[in-house]
Structures are given as C-alpha cells and as structure tokens.
N, C-alpha and C. Protein backbone atom coordinates (compact mmCIF):
# COMPACT_ATOMS: atom_id res chain seq x y z
N UNK A 1 0.85 -1.17 0.00
CA UNK A 1 0.00 0.00 0.00
C UNK A 1 0.89 1.22 0.00
N UNK A 2 0.65 2.13 -0.90
CA UNK A 2 1.45 3.34 -0.98
C UNK A 2 0.99 4.33 0.08
N UNK A 3 1.93 5.14 0.53
CA UNK A 3 1.60 6.16 1.50
C UNK A 3 1.01 7.39 0.82
N UNK A 4 0.84 8.44 1.60
CA UNK A 4 0.34 9.68 1.04
C UNK A 4 1.38 10.24 0.08
N UNK A 5 0.95 10.80 -1.02
CA UNK A 5 1.87 11.36 -2.01
C UNK A 5 1.98 12.86 -1.79
N UNK A 6 2.92 13.27 -1.00
CA UNK A 6 3.15 14.68 -0.77
C UNK A 6 4.58 14.87 -0.27
N UNK A 7 5.06 16.07 -0.32
CA UNK A 7 6.37 16.41 0.21
C UNK A 7 6.21 17.45 1.30
N UNK A 8 6.94 17.27 2.37
CA UNK A 8 6.97 18.25 3.45
C UNK A 8 8.40 18.77 3.52
N UNK A 9 8.58 20.07 3.41
CA UNK A 9 9.90 20.67 3.50
C UNK A 9 9.94 21.62 4.68
N UNK A 10 10.80 21.33 5.64
CA UNK A 10 10.98 22.17 6.81
C UNK A 10 12.47 22.46 6.90
N UNK A 11 12.87 23.62 6.46
CA UNK A 11 14.30 23.92 6.44
C UNK A 11 15.03 22.93 5.56
N UNK A 12 15.98 22.20 6.12
CA UNK A 12 16.72 21.21 5.35
C UNK A 12 16.15 19.80 5.49
N UNK A 13 15.01 19.66 6.16
CA UNK A 13 14.37 18.35 6.31
C UNK A 13 13.37 18.16 5.18
N UNK A 14 13.49 17.07 4.45
CA UNK A 14 12.57 16.76 3.35
C UNK A 14 11.97 15.39 3.60
N UNK A 15 10.64 15.32 3.69
CA UNK A 15 9.94 14.06 3.91
C UNK A 15 9.17 13.73 2.63
N UNK A 16 9.52 12.61 2.01
CA UNK A 16 8.87 12.22 0.76
C UNK A 16 7.55 11.51 0.96
N UNK A 17 7.43 10.71 2.01
CA UNK A 17 6.17 10.01 2.26
C UNK A 17 6.11 9.57 3.72
N UNK A 18 4.88 9.43 4.19
CA UNK A 18 4.62 8.89 5.52
C UNK A 18 3.63 7.75 5.31
N UNK A 19 3.99 6.54 5.75
CA UNK A 19 3.11 5.41 5.51
C UNK A 19 3.22 4.39 6.64
N UNK A 20 2.25 3.51 6.69
CA UNK A 20 2.17 2.43 7.68
C UNK A 20 2.28 2.98 9.09
N UNK A 21 3.26 2.54 9.86
CA UNK A 21 3.38 2.98 11.25
C UNK A 21 4.45 4.05 11.39
N UNK A 22 4.43 5.02 10.50
CA UNK A 22 5.42 6.09 10.52
C UNK A 22 4.82 7.36 11.10
N UNK A 23 5.67 8.18 11.67
CA UNK A 23 5.22 9.46 12.20
C UNK A 23 6.38 10.44 12.13
N UNK A 24 6.06 11.70 11.94
CA UNK A 24 7.05 12.77 12.00
C UNK A 24 6.56 13.74 13.06
N UNK A 25 7.32 13.89 14.11
CA UNK A 25 6.90 14.71 15.25
C UNK A 25 7.96 15.76 15.55
N UNK A 26 7.50 16.96 15.82
CA UNK A 26 8.39 18.05 16.21
C UNK A 26 7.91 18.58 17.55
N UNK A 27 8.83 18.88 18.43
CA UNK A 27 8.44 19.44 19.72
C UNK A 27 8.26 18.35 20.76
N UNK A 28 7.54 18.68 21.81
CA UNK A 28 7.30 17.74 22.89
C UNK A 28 6.08 16.91 22.53
N UNK A 29 6.29 15.64 22.29
CA UNK A 29 5.22 14.75 21.85
C UNK A 29 5.13 13.54 22.76
N UNK A 30 3.92 13.09 22.95
CA UNK A 30 3.68 11.86 23.68
C UNK A 30 2.70 11.05 22.85
N UNK A 31 3.19 10.03 22.16
CA UNK A 31 2.35 9.21 21.28
C UNK A 31 1.71 8.11 22.11
N UNK A 32 0.41 7.95 21.96
CA UNK A 32 -0.36 6.94 22.67
C UNK A 32 -1.16 6.12 21.69
N UNK A 33 -1.28 4.85 21.99
CA UNK A 33 -2.11 3.95 21.19
C UNK A 33 -1.81 4.13 19.70
N UNK A 34 -0.55 4.12 19.38
CA UNK A 34 -0.08 4.30 18.01
C UNK A 34 0.14 2.91 17.43
N UNK A 35 -0.81 2.42 16.65
CA UNK A 35 -0.78 1.06 16.14
C UNK A 35 -0.85 1.04 14.63
N UNK A 36 -0.33 -0.02 14.06
CA UNK A 36 -0.48 -0.27 12.63
C UNK A 36 -0.68 -1.76 12.45
N UNK A 37 -1.75 -2.13 11.78
CA UNK A 37 -2.05 -3.53 11.53
C UNK A 37 -2.35 -3.70 10.05
N UNK A 38 -1.90 -4.80 9.50
CA UNK A 38 -2.14 -5.04 8.08
C UNK A 38 -2.24 -6.54 7.82
N UNK A 39 -2.94 -6.89 6.79
CA UNK A 39 -3.07 -8.29 6.36
C UNK A 39 -3.18 -8.27 4.86
N UNK A 40 -2.46 -9.14 4.19
CA UNK A 40 -2.49 -9.20 2.74
C UNK A 40 -2.67 -10.65 2.31
N UNK A 41 -3.61 -10.88 1.44
CA UNK A 41 -3.77 -12.16 0.76
C UNK A 41 -3.51 -11.90 -0.71
N UNK A 42 -2.67 -12.71 -1.30
CA UNK A 42 -2.40 -12.50 -2.72
C UNK A 42 -2.13 -13.84 -3.39
N UNK A 43 -2.26 -13.84 -4.69
CA UNK A 43 -2.03 -15.04 -5.46
C UNK A 43 -1.00 -14.78 -6.54
N UNK A 44 -0.49 -15.85 -7.10
CA UNK A 44 0.52 -15.74 -8.14
C UNK A 44 0.21 -16.79 -9.19
N UNK A 45 0.33 -16.41 -10.44
CA UNK A 45 0.07 -17.36 -11.51
C UNK A 45 0.66 -16.87 -12.82
N UNK A 46 0.51 -17.67 -13.85
CA UNK A 46 1.06 -17.33 -15.17
C UNK A 46 -0.02 -17.42 -16.23
N UNK A 47 0.07 -16.54 -17.20
CA UNK A 47 -0.78 -16.60 -18.39
C UNK A 47 0.17 -16.61 -19.57
N UNK A 48 0.04 -17.60 -20.43
CA UNK A 48 0.93 -17.67 -21.59
C UNK A 48 0.11 -17.87 -22.85
N UNK A 49 0.75 -17.67 -23.98
CA UNK A 49 0.07 -17.82 -25.26
C UNK A 49 -0.27 -16.46 -25.85
N UNK A 50 -1.05 -16.47 -26.93
CA UNK A 50 -1.44 -15.21 -27.57
C UNK A 50 -2.95 -15.09 -27.62
N UNK A 51 -3.40 -13.88 -27.76
CA UNK A 51 -4.83 -13.56 -27.88
C UNK A 51 -5.63 -14.12 -26.69
N UNK A 52 -5.09 -14.00 -25.51
CA UNK A 52 -5.79 -14.47 -24.32
C UNK A 52 -6.93 -13.52 -23.98
N UNK A 53 -8.04 -14.08 -23.54
CA UNK A 53 -9.19 -13.27 -23.15
C UNK A 53 -9.79 -13.88 -21.88
N UNK A 54 -10.09 -13.02 -20.92
CA UNK A 54 -10.68 -13.47 -19.66
C UNK A 54 -11.89 -12.60 -19.35
N UNK A 55 -12.99 -12.80 -20.05
CA UNK A 55 -14.15 -11.91 -19.86
C UNK A 55 -14.86 -12.08 -18.51
N UNK A 56 -14.82 -13.25 -17.92
CA UNK A 56 -15.51 -13.48 -16.64
C UNK A 56 -14.53 -14.05 -15.63
N UNK A 57 -13.40 -13.40 -15.49
CA UNK A 57 -12.35 -13.90 -14.60
C UNK A 57 -12.83 -13.88 -13.15
N UNK A 58 -12.64 -14.98 -12.45
CA UNK A 58 -13.00 -15.09 -11.04
C UNK A 58 -11.77 -15.55 -10.27
N UNK A 59 -11.54 -14.95 -9.13
CA UNK A 59 -10.40 -15.31 -8.30
C UNK A 59 -10.90 -15.86 -6.98
N UNK A 60 -10.15 -16.79 -6.43
CA UNK A 60 -10.50 -17.39 -5.15
C UNK A 60 -9.25 -17.41 -4.28
N UNK A 61 -9.35 -16.90 -3.09
CA UNK A 61 -8.25 -16.94 -2.13
C UNK A 61 -8.72 -17.78 -0.95
N UNK A 62 -8.02 -18.88 -0.69
CA UNK A 62 -8.36 -19.71 0.46
C UNK A 62 -7.63 -19.15 1.67
N UNK A 63 -8.38 -18.66 2.62
CA UNK A 63 -7.82 -18.05 3.82
C UNK A 63 -8.52 -18.67 5.03
N UNK A 64 -7.96 -19.74 5.59
CA UNK A 64 -8.64 -20.46 6.67
C UNK A 64 -8.65 -19.74 8.01
N UNK A 65 -7.97 -18.61 8.11
CA UNK A 65 -7.94 -17.89 9.39
C UNK A 65 -9.32 -17.34 9.70
N UNK A 66 -9.82 -17.67 10.88
CA UNK A 66 -11.09 -17.08 11.31
C UNK A 66 -10.90 -15.66 11.78
N UNK A 67 -9.75 -15.41 12.34
CA UNK A 67 -9.43 -14.08 12.85
C UNK A 67 -7.95 -13.85 12.60
N UNK A 68 -7.63 -12.90 11.75
CA UNK A 68 -6.24 -12.66 11.39
C UNK A 68 -5.52 -11.79 12.41
N UNK A 69 -6.17 -10.75 12.86
CA UNK A 69 -5.57 -9.89 13.87
C UNK A 69 -6.68 -9.26 14.68
N UNK A 70 -6.47 -9.15 15.95
CA UNK A 70 -7.50 -8.58 16.81
C UNK A 70 -7.13 -7.15 17.13
N UNK A 71 -8.01 -6.23 16.82
CA UNK A 71 -7.76 -4.81 17.06
C UNK A 71 -8.60 -4.29 18.21
N UNK A 72 -9.44 -5.11 18.80
CA UNK A 72 -10.33 -4.65 19.86
C UNK A 72 -11.60 -4.07 19.27
N UNK A 73 -12.59 -3.94 20.08
CA UNK A 73 -13.85 -3.37 19.61
C UNK A 73 -13.97 -1.94 20.11
N UNK A 74 -14.59 -1.07 19.34
CA UNK A 74 -14.67 0.33 19.74
C UNK A 74 -15.48 0.56 21.01
N UNK A 75 -16.40 -0.35 21.32
CA UNK A 75 -17.24 -0.15 22.50
C UNK A 75 -16.84 -1.05 23.67
N UNK A 76 -15.70 -1.75 23.56
CA UNK A 76 -15.20 -2.55 24.67
C UNK A 76 -15.93 -3.86 24.89
N UNK A 77 -16.63 -4.38 23.87
CA UNK A 77 -17.39 -5.62 24.03
C UNK A 77 -16.62 -6.80 23.43
N UNK A 78 -15.33 -6.91 23.79
CA UNK A 78 -14.48 -7.94 23.21
C UNK A 78 -14.98 -9.35 23.49
N UNK A 79 -15.36 -9.64 24.74
CA UNK A 79 -15.77 -11.00 25.10
C UNK A 79 -16.99 -11.43 24.28
N UNK A 80 -17.96 -10.54 24.14
CA UNK A 80 -19.15 -10.87 23.36
C UNK A 80 -18.79 -11.15 21.91
N UNK A 81 -17.89 -10.35 21.35
CA UNK A 81 -17.50 -10.56 19.96
C UNK A 81 -16.74 -11.87 19.78
N UNK A 82 -15.86 -12.20 20.72
CA UNK A 82 -15.11 -13.46 20.64
C UNK A 82 -16.05 -14.64 20.76
N UNK A 83 -17.03 -14.58 21.66
CA UNK A 83 -18.01 -15.66 21.79
C UNK A 83 -18.79 -15.85 20.49
N UNK A 84 -19.16 -14.76 19.83
CA UNK A 84 -19.89 -14.86 18.57
C UNK A 84 -19.02 -15.48 17.48
N UNK A 85 -17.72 -15.13 17.46
CA UNK A 85 -16.81 -15.73 16.49
C UNK A 85 -16.65 -17.22 16.74
N UNK A 86 -16.59 -17.63 18.00
CA UNK A 86 -16.46 -19.06 18.32
C UNK A 86 -17.67 -19.84 17.82
N UNK A 87 -18.86 -19.23 17.89
CA UNK A 87 -20.07 -19.90 17.39
C UNK A 87 -19.99 -20.11 15.89
N UNK A 88 -19.45 -19.13 15.18
CA UNK A 88 -19.35 -19.22 13.72
C UNK A 88 -18.33 -20.26 13.31
N UNK A 89 -17.19 -20.27 14.01
CA UNK A 89 -16.10 -21.18 13.65
C UNK A 89 -16.36 -22.50 14.23
C-alpha cells in the first residue's frame, strides 16, 4: 500500500512520504495507542500464449484464518465478539 503522495519541507528536512506505522513529530510529543495492523492475501500465476481473453475472470483466495488480527472493539465488548466468532467457527 502506498503512503500519502506529498512532500513536506521544513528547512533542510525533506519528507517524501509517511506510511504504515510512521510518524514525524516536532516538539514535545507523547504518542499513545499508536498502532499499525495489516493483512495481505495474494495469489501468483502465469498466463501464456497469444490472444488471451478473460471476460468473466474469477479469483479465489483460500484463507482459513477465522481471525487474522485482533484490534479490539470500539465499544469494549471484546468477550461478546469473541463468543460470537467461536459460534461461527
């Protein structure tokens, strides 16, 4: 995933991009709950020959993980959400 496309110039400091779990802080800073989570599913394959056409291409990714990463719930109802996931799995 690409970061924001911008340049920040402060005197002789040049920042080309800020992405993922990056931060640029000046002054007295106290960072709290600074998290970065990511998950990527991707496939790899080959297409060979000439005049190939894929008008109704369908992709399937087998991802057996019921829960890839836990970020917590915004309202603090983690136990209820975990119990519901256990019922599904």
